Amino acid sequence: MSKAIMDLTELLERVENDRELIRDLLLIFKEEFPRHLQALRDAVDSMDGEKVAAEAHTMKGMLSTLSATSAASAAARLEQLGRNRKVCEFQEAYAAFENISKKLLLQLDTCMAEVGG
């Protein structure tokens, strides 16, 4: 398996080993993330810096909560590009974010199994 995108050990420590809470967080994330990813895609496609920054900021928070540091960093990059209206860099940054997001989504099922789901 490729390098983990989400640090389950860190997440367990953060929630004092509350596996039920982690399972709930992962379920909510799996439900909400696709909608936010599509909203970000739409903002990138429309070259709307304000919307890119806002949506990327939301996703950065979601990812940070799950100890998905590299994905959160990719979202932070998009947020900064949006704030600075660097529209010429949106597509490349979004592609990198989408790639890491796909890997994270694959890892979620494994993590859910590990926490008892």
PDB file of N, CA and C in Angstrom:
ATOM      1  N   MET A   1       0.844  -1.192   0.000  1.00  0.00           N
ATOM      2  CA  MET A   1       0.000   0.000   0.000  1.00  0.00           C
ATOM      3  C   MET A   1       0.881   1.243   0.000  1.00  0.00           C
ATOM      4  N   SER A   2       0.425   2.283  -0.661  1.00  0.00           N
ATOM      5  CA  SER A   2       1.184   3.523  -0.718  1.00  0.00           C
ATOM      6  C   SER A   2       1.181   4.207   0.646  1.00  0.00           C
ATOM      7  N   LYS A   3       2.016   5.212   0.777  1.00  0.00           N
ATOM      8  CA  LYS A   3       2.140   5.952   2.023  1.00  0.00           C
ATOM      9  C   LYS A   3       0.776   6.502   2.448  1.00  0.00           C
ATOM     10  N   ALA A   4       0.484   6.395   3.715  1.00  0.00           N
ATOM     11  CA  ALA A   4      -0.799   6.848   4.243  1.00  0.00           C
ATOM     12  C   ALA A   4      -0.946   8.364   4.095  1.00  0.00           C
ATOM     13  N   ILE A   5      -2.120   8.760   3.691  1.00  0.00           N
ATOM     14  CA  ILE A   5      -2.442  10.185   3.553  1.00  0.00           C
ATOM     15  C   ILE A   5      -2.932  10.715   4.904  1.00  0.00           C
ATOM     16  N   MET A   6      -3.654   9.870   5.615  1.00  0.00           N
ATOM     17  CA  MET A   6      -4.213  10.239   6.906  1.00  0.00           C
ATOM     18  C   MET A   6      -3.429   9.519   7.999  1.00  0.00           C
ATOM     19  N   ASP A   7      -3.056  10.237   9.045  1.00  0.00           N
ATOM     20  CA  ASP A   7      -2.301   9.658  10.148  1.00  0.00           C
ATOM     21  C   ASP A   7      -3.283   9.192  11.224  1.00  0.00           C
ATOM     22  N   LEU A   8      -3.669   7.916  11.136  1.00  0.00           N
ATOM     23  CA  LEU A   8      -4.656   7.372  12.067  1.00  0.00           C
ATOM     24  C   LEU A   8      -4.148   7.393  13.506  1.00  0.00           C
ATOM     25  N   THR A   9      -2.874   7.150  13.700  1.00  0.00           N
ATOM     26  CA  THR A   9      -2.303   7.176  15.047  1.00  0.00           C
ATOM     27  C   THR A   9      -2.469   8.561  15.673  1.00  0.00           C
ATOM     28  N   GLU A  10      -2.147   9.586  14.899  1.00  0.00           N
ATOM     29  CA  GLU A  10      -2.303  10.966  15.393  1.00  0.00           C
ATOM     30  C   GLU A  10      -3.767  11.270  15.681  1.00  0.00           C
ATOM     31  N   LEU A  11      -4.641  10.835  14.789  1.00  0.00           N
ATOM     32  CA  LEU A  11      -6.072  11.078  14.983  1.00  0.00           C
ATOM     33  C   LEU A  11      -6.576  10.372  16.239  1.00  0.00           C
ATOM     34  N   LEU A  12      -6.151   9.138  16.467  1.00  0.00           N
ATOM     35  CA  LEU A  12      -6.547   8.422  17.680  1.00  0.00           C
ATOM     36  C   LEU A  12      -6.081   9.161  18.930  1.00  0.00           C
ATOM     37  N   GLU A  13      -4.857   9.668  18.901  1.00  0.00           N
ATOM     38  CA  GLU A  13      -4.341  10.426  20.046  1.00  0.00           C
ATOM     39  C   GLU A  13      -5.158  11.696  20.264  1.00  0.00           C
ATOM     40  N   ARG A  14      -5.498  12.349  19.173  1.00  0.00           N
ATOM     41  CA  ARG A  14      -6.231  13.615  19.255  1.00  0.00           C
ATOM     42  C   ARG A  14      -7.595  13.440  19.919  1.00  0.00           C
ATOM     43  N   VAL A  15      -8.231  12.289  19.677  1.00  0.00           N
ATOM     44  CA  VAL A  15      -9.568  12.065  20.234  1.00  0.00           C
ATOM     45  C   VAL A  15      -9.536  11.085  21.414  1.00  0.00           C
ATOM     46  N   GLU A  16      -8.362  10.953  22.011  1.00  0.00           N
ATOM     47  CA  GLU A  16      -8.174  10.111  23.189  1.00  0.00           C
ATOM     48  C   GLU A  16      -8.686   8.693  22.958  1.00  0.00           C
ATOM     49  N   ASN A  17      -8.359   8.159  21.775  1.00  0.00           N
ATOM     50  CA  ASN A  17      -8.665   6.783  21.383  1.00  0.00           C
ATOM     51  C   ASN A  17     -10.172   6.493  21.326  1.00  0.00           C
ATOM     52  N   ASP A  18     -10.985   7.503  21.118  1.00  0.00           N
ATOM     53  CA  ASP A  18     -12.443   7.327  21.002  1.00  0.00           C
ATOM     54  C   ASP A  18     -12.758   6.864  19.582  1.00  0.00           C
ATOM     55  N   ARG A  19     -12.787   5.567  19.407  1.00  0.00           N
ATOM     56  CA  ARG A  19     -12.979   4.984  18.077  1.00  0.00           C
ATOM     57  C   ARG A  19     -14.365   5.272  17.506  1.00  0.00           C
ATOM     58  N   GLU A  20     -15.347   5.363  18.353  1.00  0.00           N
ATOM     59  CA  GLU A  20     -16.692   5.696  17.876  1.00  0.00           C
ATOM     60  C   GLU A  20     -16.712   7.118  17.302  1.00  0.00           C
ATOM     61  N   LEU A  21     -16.037   8.027  17.965  1.00  0.00           N
ATOM     62  CA  LEU A  21     -15.953   9.400  17.465  1.00  0.00           C
ATOM     63  C   LEU A  21     -15.234   9.438  16.113  1.00  0.00           C
ATOM     64  N   ILE A  22     -14.137   8.699  16.002  1.00  0.00           N
ATOM     65  CA  ILE A  22     -13.417   8.671  14.723  1.00  0.00           C
ATOM     66  C   ILE A  22     -14.309   8.116  13.624  1.00  0.00           C
ATOM     67  N   ARG A  23     -15.018   7.042  13.927  1.00  0.00           N
ATOM     68  CA  ARG A  23     -15.915   6.466  12.925  1.00  0.00           C
ATOM     69  C   ARG A  23     -16.957   7.492  12.484  1.00  0.00           C
ATOM     70  N   ASP A  24     -17.529   8.218  13.441  1.00  0.00           N
ATOM     71  CA  ASP A  24     -18.502   9.261  13.108  1.00  0.00           C
ATOM     72  C   ASP A  24     -17.869  10.348  12.235  1.00  0.00           C
ATOM     73  N   LEU A  25     -16.657  10.778  12.605  1.00  0.00           N
ATOM     74  CA  LEU A  25     -15.963  11.802  11.818  1.00  0.00           C
ATOM     75  C   LEU A  25     -15.713  11.323  10.388  1.00  0.00           C
ATOM     76  N   LEU A  26     -15.297  10.076  10.252  1.00  0.00           N
ATOM     77  CA  LEU A  26     -15.026   9.535   8.922  1.00  0.00           C
ATOM     78  C   LEU A  26     -16.296   9.409   8.093  1.00  0.00           C
ATOM     79  N   LEU A  27     -17.382   9.006   8.721  1.00  0.00           N
ATOM     80  CA  LEU A  27     -18.658   8.901   7.997  1.00  0.00           C
ATOM     81  C   LEU A  27     -19.141  10.266   7.518  1.00  0.00           C
ATOM     82  N   ILE A  28     -19.038  11.250   8.383  1.00  0.00           N
ATOM     83  CA  ILE A  28     -19.428  12.612   8.004  1.00  0.00           C
ATOM     84  C   ILE A  28     -18.543  13.111   6.868  1.00  0.00           C
ATOM     85  N   PHE A  29     -17.254  12.870   6.996  1.00  0.00           N
ATOM     86  CA  PHE A  29     -16.322  13.296   5.955  1.00  0.00           C
ATOM     87  C   PHE A  29     -16.672  12.649   4.619  1.00  0.00           C
ATOM     88  N   LYS A  30     -16.897  11.342   4.628  1.00  0.00           N
ATOM     89  CA  LYS A  30     -17.224  10.635   3.386  1.00  0.00           C
ATOM     90  C   LYS A  30     -18.505  11.178   2.742  1.00  0.00           C
ATOM     91  N   GLU A  31     -19.423  11.631   3.571  1.00  0.00           N
ATOM     92  CA  GLU A  31     -20.675  12.179   3.065  1.00  0.00           C
ATOM     93  C   GLU A  31     -20.502  13.595   2.519  1.00  0.00           C
ATOM     94  N   GLU A  32     -19.752  14.410   3.222  1.00  0.00           N
ATOM     95  CA  GLU A  32     -19.617  15.834   2.878  1.00  0.00           C
ATOM     96  C   GLU A  32     -18.540  16.129   1.837  1.00  0.00           C
ATOM     97  N   PHE A  33     -17.462  15.376   1.856  1.00  0.00           N
ATOM     98  CA  PHE A  33     -16.307  15.694   1.028  1.00  0.00           C
ATOM     99  C   PHE A  33     -16.614  15.777  -0.471  1.00  0.00           C
ATOM    100  N   PRO A  34     -17.343  14.820  -1.050  1.00  0.00           N
ATOM    101  CA  PRO A  34     -17.600  14.902  -2.497  1.00  0.00           C
ATOM    102  C   PRO A  34     -18.309  16.195  -2.917  1.00  0.00           C
ATOM    103  N   ARG A  35     -19.231  16.660  -2.094  1.00  0.00           N
ATOM    104  CA  ARG A  35     -19.932  17.915  -2.392  1.00  0.00           C
ATOM    105  C   ARG A  35     -18.961  19.096  -2.392  1.00  0.00           C
ATOM    106  N   HIS A  36     -18.080  19.130  -1.416  1.00  0.00           N
ATOM    107  CA  HIS A  36     -17.099  20.212  -1.343  1.00  0.00           C
ATOM    108  C   HIS A  36     -16.076  20.119  -2.474  1.00  0.00           C
ATOM    109  N   LEU A  37     -15.694  18.907  -2.818  1.00  0.00           N
ATOM    110  CA  LEU A  37     -14.753  18.720  -3.921  1.00  0.00           C
ATOM    111  C   LEU A  37     -15.357  19.239  -5.228  1.00  0.00           C
ATOM    112  N   GLN A  38     -16.637  18.959  -5.453  1.00  0.00           N
ATOM    113  CA  GLN A  38     -17.303  19.449  -6.662  1.00  0.00           C
ATOM    114  C   GLN A  38     -17.419  20.970  -6.640  1.00  0.00           C
ATOM    115  N   ALA A  39     -17.724  21.539  -5.496  1.00  0.00           N
ATOM    116  CA  ALA A  39     -17.810  22.995  -5.383  1.00  0.00           C
ATOM    117  C   ALA A  39     -16.454  23.637  -5.682  1.00  0.00           C
ATOM    118  N   LEU A  40     -15.392  23.017  -5.204  1.00  0.00           N
ATOM    119  CA  LEU A  40     -14.047  23.529  -5.482  1.00  0.00           C
ATOM    120  C   LEU A  40     -13.736  23.408  -6.969  1.00  0.00           C
ATOM    121  N   ARG A  41     -14.078  22.283  -7.554  1.00  0.00           N
ATOM    122  CA  ARG A  41     -13.871  22.069  -8.999  1.00  0.00           C
ATOM    123  C   ARG A  41     -14.596  23.157  -9.796  1.00  0.00           C
ATOM    124  N   ASP A  42     -15.837  23.432  -9.422  1.00  0.00           N
ATOM    125  CA  ASP A  42     -16.627  24.461 -10.107  1.00  0.00           C
ATOM    126  C   ASP A  42     -15.986  25.842  -9.958  1.00  0.00           C
ATOM    127  N   ALA A  43     -15.495  26.142  -8.765  1.00  0.00           N
ATOM    128  CA  ALA A  43     -14.845  27.434  -8.521  1.00  0.00           C
ATOM    129  C   ALA A  43     -13.568  27.559  -9.347  1.00  0.00           C
ATOM    130  N   VAL A  44     -12.799  26.477  -9.421  1.00  0.00           N
ATOM    131  CA  VAL A  44     -11.570  26.472 -10.218  1.00  0.00           C
ATOM    132  C   VAL A  44     -11.918  26.673 -11.693  1.00  0.00           C
ATOM    133  N   ASP A  45     -12.911  25.932 -12.167  1.00  0.00           N
ATOM    134  CA  ASP A  45     -13.306  26.035 -13.579  1.00  0.00           C
ATOM    135  C   ASP A  45     -13.800  27.437 -13.943  1.00  0.00           C
ATOM    136  N   SER A  46     -14.469  28.089 -12.995  1.00  0.00           N
ATOM    137  CA  SER A  46     -14.971  29.438 -13.265  1.00  0.00           C
ATOM    138  C   SER A  46     -13.927  30.515 -12.970  1.00  0.00           C
ATOM    139  N   MET A  47     -12.753  30.079 -12.479  1.00  0.00           N
ATOM    140  CA  MET A  47     -11.654  30.992 -12.146  1.00  0.00           C
ATOM    141  C   MET A  47     -12.069  32.059 -11.142  1.00  0.00           C
ATOM    142  N   ASP A  48     -12.859  31.650 -10.183  1.00  0.00           N
ATOM    143  CA  ASP A  48     -13.369  32.543  -9.144  1.00  0.00           C
ATOM    144  C   ASP A  48     -12.481  32.409  -7.903  1.00  0.00           C
ATOM    145  N   GLY A  49     -11.543  33.337  -7.778  1.00  0.00           N
ATOM    146  CA  GLY A  49     -10.583  33.286  -6.688  1.00  0.00           C
ATOM    147  C   GLY A  49     -11.216  33.292  -5.317  1.00  0.00           C
ATOM    148  N   GLU A  50     -12.247  34.083  -5.134  1.00  0.00           N
ATOM    149  CA  GLU A  50     -12.910  34.171  -3.838  1.00  0.00           C
ATOM    150  C   GLU A  50     -13.543  32.831  -3.454  1.00  0.00           C
ATOM    151  N   LYS A  51     -14.214  32.205  -4.408  1.00  0.00           N
ATOM    152  CA  LYS A  51     -14.847  30.907  -4.132  1.00  0.00           C
ATOM    153  C   LYS A  51     -13.808  29.809  -3.961  1.00  0.00           C
ATOM    154  N   VAL A  52     -12.742  29.856  -4.742  1.00  0.00           N
ATOM    155  CA  VAL A  52     -11.662  28.875  -4.580  1.00  0.00           C
ATOM    156  C   VAL A  52     -11.097  28.984  -3.168  1.00  0.00           C
ATOM    157  N   ALA A  53     -10.809  30.196  -2.744  1.00  0.00           N
ATOM    158  CA  ALA A  53     -10.236  30.403  -1.407  1.00  0.00           C
ATOM    159  C   ALA A  53     -11.192  29.924  -0.321  1.00  0.00           C
ATOM    160  N   ALA A  54     -12.465  30.253  -0.447  1.00  0.00           N
ATOM    161  CA  ALA A  54     -13.439  29.872   0.583  1.00  0.00           C
ATOM    162  C   ALA A  54     -13.615  28.357   0.659  1.00  0.00           C
ATOM    163  N   GLU A  55     -13.776  27.726  -0.472  1.00  0.00           N
ATOM    164  CA  GLU A  55     -13.993  26.277  -0.476  1.00  0.00           C
ATOM    165  C   GLU A  55     -12.725  25.539  -0.041  1.00  0.00           C
ATOM    166  N   ALA A  56     -11.582  25.993  -0.513  1.00  0.00           N
ATOM    167  CA  ALA A  56     -10.326  25.363  -0.111  1.00  0.00           C
ATOM    168  C   ALA A  56     -10.095  25.522   1.390  1.00  0.00           C
ATOM    169  N   HIS A  57     -10.472  26.658   1.944  1.00  0.00           N
ATOM    170  CA  HIS A  57     -10.338  26.887   3.379  1.00  0.00           C
ATOM    171  C   HIS A  57     -11.192  25.884   4.167  1.00  0.00           C
ATOM    172  N   THR A  58     -12.414  25.685   3.727  1.00  0.00           N
ATOM    173  CA  THR A  58     -13.297  24.715   4.368  1.00  0.00           C
ATOM    174  C   THR A  58     -12.693  23.321   4.321  1.00  0.00           C
ATOM    175  N   MET A  59     -12.190  22.953   3.158  1.00  0.00           N
ATOM    176  CA  MET A  59     -11.623  21.619   2.992  1.00  0.00           C
ATOM    177  C   MET A  59     -10.343  21.454   3.805  1.00  0.00           C
ATOM    178  N   LYS A  60      -9.563  22.511   3.902  1.00  0.00           N
ATOM    179  CA  LYS A  60      -8.346  22.476   4.717  1.00  0.00           C
ATOM    180  C   LYS A  60      -8.706  22.142   6.162  1.00  0.00           C
ATOM    181  N   GLY A  61      -9.748  22.745   6.658  1.00  0.00           N
ATOM    182  CA  GLY A  61     -10.193  22.466   8.022  1.00  0.00           C
ATOM    183  C   GLY A  61     -10.666  21.036   8.197  1.00  0.00           C
ATOM    184  N   MET A  62     -11.445  20.549   7.250  1.00  0.00           N
ATOM    185  CA  MET A  62     -11.932  19.168   7.303  1.00  0.00           C
ATOM    186  C   MET A  62     -10.757  18.193   7.325  1.00  0.00           C
ATOM    187  N   LEU A  63      -9.803  18.430   6.461  1.00  0.00           N
ATOM    188  CA  LEU A  63      -8.656  17.530   6.321  1.00  0.00           C
ATOM    189  C   LEU A  63      -7.734  17.601   7.529  1.00  0.00           C
ATOM    190  N   SER A  64      -7.562  18.784   8.072  1.00  0.00           N
ATOM    191  CA  SER A  64      -6.736  18.939   9.269  1.00  0.00           C
ATOM    192  C   SER A  64      -7.354  18.180  10.443  1.00  0.00           C
ATOM    193  N   THR A  65      -8.660  18.227  10.550  1.00  0.00           N
ATOM    194  CA  THR A  65      -9.361  17.513  11.607  1.00  0.00           C
ATOM    195  C   THR A  65      -9.072  16.021  11.551  1.00  0.00           C
ATOM    196  N   LEU A  66      -8.930  15.493  10.338  1.00  0.00           N
ATOM    197  CA  LEU A  66      -8.675  14.061  10.155  1.00  0.00           C
ATOM    198  C   LEU A  66      -7.184  13.711  10.160  1.00  0.00           C
ATOM    199  N   SER A  67      -6.338  14.642  10.475  1.00  0.00           N
ATOM    200  CA  SER A  67      -4.886  14.420  10.459  1.00  0.00           C
ATOM    201  C   SER A  67      -4.402  14.009   9.076  1.00  0.00           C
ATOM    202  N   ALA A  68      -5.001  14.602   8.057  1.00  0.00           N
ATOM    203  CA  ALA A  68      -4.589  14.364   6.672  1.00  0.00           C
ATOM    204  C   ALA A  68      -3.745  15.556   6.243  1.00  0.00           C
ATOM    205  N   THR A  69      -2.543  15.625   6.769  1.00  0.00           N
ATOM    206  CA  THR A  69      -1.686  16.799   6.648  1.00  0.00           C
ATOM    207  C   THR A  69      -1.329  17.160   5.213  1.00  0.00           C
ATOM    208  N   SER A  70      -0.946  16.178   4.415  1.00  0.00           N
ATOM    209  CA  SER A  70      -0.537  16.497   3.045  1.00  0.00           C
ATOM    210  C   SER A  70      -1.720  16.989   2.217  1.00  0.00           C
ATOM    211  N   ALA A  71      -2.894  16.419   2.444  1.00  0.00           N
ATOM    212  CA  ALA A  71      -4.092  16.877   1.731  1.00  0.00           C
ATOM    213  C   ALA A  71      -4.476  18.282   2.210  1.00  0.00           C
ATOM    214  N   ALA A  72      -4.356  18.521   3.510  1.00  0.00           N
ATOM    215  CA  ALA A  72      -4.650  19.853   4.051  1.00  0.00           C
ATOM    216  C   ALA A  72      -3.689  20.891   3.478  1.00  0.00           C
ATOM    217  N   SER A  73      -2.435  20.504   3.301  1.00  0.00           N
ATOM    218  CA  SER A  73      -1.451  21.418   2.710  1.00  0.00           C
ATOM    219  C   SER A  73      -1.794  21.740   1.260  1.00  0.00           C
ATOM    220  N   ALA A  74      -2.253  20.740   0.533  1.00  0.00           N
ATOM    221  CA  ALA A  74      -2.653  20.970  -0.858  1.00  0.00           C
ATOM    222  C   ALA A  74      -3.864  21.905  -0.919  1.00  0.00           C
ATOM    223  N   ALA A  75      -4.785  21.748   0.032  1.00  0.00           N
ATOM    224  CA  ALA A  75      -5.938  22.647   0.104  1.00  0.00           C
ATOM    225  C   ALA A  75      -5.486  24.059   0.475  1.00  0.00           C
ATOM    226  N   ALA A  76      -4.518  24.158   1.377  1.00  0.00           N
ATOM    227  CA  ALA A  76      -3.996  25.468   1.781  1.00  0.00           C
ATOM    228  C   ALA A  76      -3.360  26.185   0.588  1.00  0.00           C
ATOM    229  N   ARG A  77      -2.685  25.426  -0.251  1.00  0.00           N
ATOM    230  CA  ARG A  77      -2.086  26.027  -1.456  1.00  0.00           C
ATOM    231  C   ARG A  77      -3.181  26.611  -2.351  1.00  0.00           C
ATOM    232  N   LEU A  78      -4.251  25.854  -2.538  1.00  0.00           N
ATOM    233  CA  LEU A  78      -5.363  26.363  -3.345  1.00  0.00           C
ATOM    234  C   LEU A  78      -5.999  27.590  -2.700  1.00  0.00           C
ATOM    235  N   GLU A  79      -6.128  27.560  -1.382  1.00  0.00           N
ATOM    236  CA  GLU A  79      -6.689  28.708  -0.678  1.00  0.00           C
ATOM    237  C   GLU A  79      -5.838  29.956  -0.934  1.00  0.00           C
ATOM    238  N   GLN A  80      -4.530  29.814  -0.818  1.00  0.00           N
ATOM    239  CA  GLN A  80      -3.641  30.954  -1.029  1.00  0.00           C
ATOM    240  C   GLN A  80      -3.698  31.450  -2.474  1.00  0.00           C
ATOM    241  N   LEU A  81      -3.716  30.518  -3.415  1.00  0.00           N
ATOM    242  CA  LEU A  81      -3.825  30.915  -4.831  1.00  0.00           C
ATOM    243  C   LEU A  81      -5.125  31.674  -5.070  1.00  0.00           C
ATOM    244  N   GLY A  82      -6.201  31.205  -4.456  1.00  0.00           N
ATOM    245  CA  GLY A  82      -7.481  31.892  -4.601  1.00  0.00           C
ATOM    246  C   GLY A  82      -7.446  33.293  -4.012  1.00  0.00           C
ATOM    247  N   ARG A  83      -6.882  33.406  -2.821  1.00  0.00           N
ATOM    248  CA  ARG A  83      -6.788  34.726  -2.172  1.00  0.00           C
ATOM    249  C   ARG A  83      -5.957  35.701  -3.005  1.00  0.00           C
ATOM    250  N   ASN A  84      -4.923  35.167  -3.648  1.00  0.00           N
ATOM    251  CA  ASN A  84      -4.037  36.005  -4.459  1.00  0.00           C
ATOM    252  C   ASN A  84      -4.485  36.119  -5.913  1.00  0.00           C
ATOM    253  N   ARG A  85      -5.611  35.494  -6.228  1.00  0.00           N
ATOM    254  CA  ARG A  85      -6.203  35.527  -7.584  1.00  0.00           C
ATOM    255  C   ARG A  85      -5.219  35.032  -8.655  1.00  0.00           C
ATOM    256  N   LYS A  86      -4.439  34.023  -8.311  1.00  0.00           N
ATOM    257  CA  LYS A  86      -3.484  33.457  -9.272  1.00  0.00           C
ATOM    258  C   LYS A  86      -4.189  32.376 -10.088  1.00  0.00           C
ATOM    259  N   VAL A  87      -5.124  32.815 -10.918  1.00  0.00           N
ATOM    260  CA  VAL A  87      -5.982  31.888 -11.653  1.00  0.00           C
ATOM    261  C   VAL A  87      -5.216  30.976 -12.604  1.00  0.00           C
ATOM    262  N   CYS A  88      -4.079  31.432 -13.099  1.00  0.00           N
ATOM    263  CA  CYS A  88      -3.301  30.608 -14.026  1.00  0.00           C
ATOM    264  C   CYS A  88      -2.735  29.360 -13.350  1.00  0.00           C
ATOM    265  N   GLU A  89      -2.720  29.327 -12.006  1.00  0.00           N
ATOM    266  CA  GLU A  89      -2.191  28.180 -11.280  1.00  0.00           C
ATOM    267  C   GLU A  89      -3.288  27.288 -10.695  1.00  0.00           C
ATOM    268  N   PHE A  90      -4.549  27.682 -10.862  1.00  0.00           N
ATOM    269  CA  PHE A  90      -5.657  26.937 -10.263  1.00  0.00           C
ATOM    270  C   PHE A  90      -5.715  25.489 -10.740  1.00  0.00           C
ATOM    271  N   GLN A  91      -5.661  25.278 -12.053  1.00  0.00           N
ATOM    272  CA  GLN A  91      -5.855  23.941 -12.606  1.00  0.00           C
ATOM    273  C   GLN A  91      -4.790  22.960 -12.101  1.00  0.00           C
ATOM    274  N   GLU A  92      -3.547  23.378 -12.149  1.00  0.00           N
ATOM    275  CA  GLU A  92      -2.458  22.499 -11.711  1.00  0.00           C
ATOM    276  C   GLU A  92      -2.581  22.178 -10.221  1.00  0.00           C
ATOM    277  N   ALA A  93      -2.874  23.183  -9.420  1.00  0.00           N
ATOM    278  CA  ALA A  93      -3.004  22.971  -7.974  1.00  0.00           C
ATOM    279  C   ALA A  93      -4.217  22.094  -7.669  1.00  0.00           C
ATOM    280  N   TYR A  94      -5.303  22.298  -8.421  1.00  0.00           N
ATOM    281  CA  TYR A  94      -6.483  21.464  -8.202  1.00  0.00           C
ATOM    282  C   TYR A  94      -6.192  20.014  -8.581  1.00  0.00           C
ATOM    283  N   ALA A  95      -5.493  19.800  -9.676  1.00  0.00           N
ATOM    284  CA  ALA A  95      -5.157  18.436 -10.103  1.00  0.00           C
ATOM    285  C   ALA A  95      -4.343  17.719  -9.025  1.00  0.00           C
ATOM    286  N   ALA A  96      -3.398  18.415  -8.432  1.00  0.00           N
ATOM    287  CA  ALA A  96      -2.589  17.824  -7.358  1.00  0.00           C
ATOM    288  C   ALA A  96      -3.469  17.511  -6.146  1.00  0.00           C
ATOM    289  N   PHE A  97      -4.367  18.426  -5.819  1.00  0.00           N
ATOM    290  CA  PHE A  97      -5.274  18.219  -4.687  1.00  0.00           C
ATOM    291  C   PHE A  97      -6.214  17.044  -4.955  1.00  0.00           C
ATOM    292  N   GLU A  98      -6.741  16.977  -6.140  1.00  0.00           N
ATOM    293  CA  GLU A  98      -7.660  15.894  -6.491  1.00  0.00           C
ATOM    294  C   GLU A  98      -6.950  14.540  -6.418  1.00  0.00           C
ATOM    295  N   ASN A  99      -5.717  14.492  -6.866  1.00  0.00           N
ATOM    296  CA  ASN A  99      -4.942  13.253  -6.823  1.00  0.00           C
ATOM    297  C   ASN A  99      -4.753  12.763  -5.382  1.00  0.00           C
ATOM    298  N   ILE A 100      -4.357  13.656  -4.516  1.00  0.00           N
ATOM    299  CA  ILE A 100      -4.159  13.263  -3.122  1.00  0.00           C
ATOM    300  C   ILE A 100      -5.494  12.933  -2.457  1.00  0.00           C
ATOM    301  N   SER A 101      -6.563  13.603  -2.871  1.00  0.00           N
ATOM    302  CA  SER A 101      -7.886  13.338  -2.314  1.00  0.00           C
ATOM    303  C   SER A 101      -8.369  11.943  -2.675  1.00  0.00           C
ATOM    304  N   LYS A 102      -8.096  11.515  -3.896  1.00  0.00           N
ATOM    305  CA  LYS A 102      -8.477  10.157  -4.312  1.00  0.00           C
ATOM    306  C   LYS A 102      -7.775   9.119  -3.455  1.00  0.00           C
ATOM    307  N   LYS A 103      -6.509   9.336  -3.172  1.00  0.00           N
ATOM    308  CA  LYS A 103      -5.762   8.407  -2.325  1.00  0.00           C
ATOM    309  C   LYS A 103      -6.337   8.396  -0.909  1.00  0.00           C
ATOM    310  N   LEU A 104      -6.715   9.569  -0.412  1.00  0.00           N
ATOM    311  CA  LEU A 104      -7.301   9.660   0.920  1.00  0.00           C
ATOM    312  C   LEU A 104      -8.619   8.898   0.983  1.00  0.00           C
ATOM    313  N   LEU A 105      -9.459   9.076  -0.013  1.00  0.00           N
ATOM    314  CA  LEU A 105     -10.751   8.389  -0.002  1.00  0.00           C
ATOM    315  C   LEU A 105     -10.571   6.874  -0.010  1.00  0.00           C
ATOM    316  N   LEU A 106      -9.575   6.388  -0.713  1.00  0.00           N
ATOM    317  CA  LEU A 106      -9.290   4.951  -0.700  1.00  0.00           C
ATOM    318  C   LEU A 106      -8.842   4.494   0.690  1.00  0.00           C
ATOM    319  N   GLN A 107      -8.086   5.335   1.366  1.00  0.00           N
ATOM    320  CA  GLN A 107      -7.583   4.998   2.692  1.00  0.00           C
ATOM    321  C   GLN A 107      -8.682   5.022   3.753  1.00  0.00           C
ATOM    322  N   LEU A 108      -9.735   5.792   3.543  1.00  0.00           N
ATOM    323  CA  LEU A 108     -10.782   5.927   4.567  1.00  0.00           C
ATOM    324  C   LEU A 108     -11.414   4.593   4.917  1.00  0.00           C
ATOM    325  N   ASP A 109     -11.693   3.762   3.928  1.00  0.00           N
ATOM    326  CA  ASP A 109     -12.323   2.480   4.205  1.00  0.00           C
ATOM    327  C   ASP A 109     -11.427   1.603   5.084  1.00  0.00           C
ATOM    328  N   THR A 110     -10.140   1.623   4.802  1.00  0.00           N
ATOM    329  CA  THR A 110      -9.185   0.866   5.620  1.00  0.00           C
ATOM    330  C   THR A 110      -9.196   1.396   7.046  1.00  0.00           C
ATOM    331  N   CYS A 111      -9.195   2.705   7.188  1.00  0.00           N
ATOM    332  CA  CYS A 111      -9.197   3.307   8.523  1.00  0.00           C
ATOM    333  C   CYS A 111     -10.486   2.974   9.273  1.00  0.00           C
ATOM    334  N   MET A 112     -11.610   2.990   8.571  1.00  0.00           N
ATOM    335  CA  MET A 112     -12.872   2.673   9.226  1.00  0.00           C
ATOM    336  C   MET A 112     -12.854   1.230   9.737  1.00  0.00           C
ATOM    337  N   ALA A 113     -12.274   0.326   8.965  1.00  0.00           N
ATOM    338  CA  ALA A 113     -12.160  -1.067   9.399  1.00  0.00           C
ATOM    339  C   ALA A 113     -11.262  -1.165  10.640  1.00  0.00           C
ATOM    340  N   GLU A 114     -10.201  -0.378  10.656  1.00  0.00           N
ATOM    341  CA  GLU A 114      -9.271  -0.419  11.798  1.00  0.00           C
ATOM    342  C   GLU A 114      -9.877   0.116  13.081  1.00  0.00           C
ATOM    343  N   VAL A 115     -10.812   1.044  12.968  1.00  0.00           N
ATOM    344  CA  VAL A 115     -11.424   1.606  14.179  1.00  0.00           C
ATOM    345  C   VAL A 115     -12.706   0.882  14.569  1.00  0.00           C
ATOM    346  N   GLY A 116     -12.980  -0.201  13.852  1.00  0.00           N
ATOM    347  CA  GLY A 116     -14.092  -1.038  14.288  1.00  0.00           C
ATOM    348  C   GLY A 116     -15.365  -0.847  13.511  1.00  0.00           C
ATOM    349  N   GLY A 117     -15.239  -0.616  12.227  1.00  0.00           N
ATOM    350  CA  GLY A 117     -16.466  -0.409  11.464  1.00  0.00           C
ATOM    351  C   GLY A 117     -16.504  -1.354  10.356  1.00  0.00           C
TER     352      GLY A 117
END
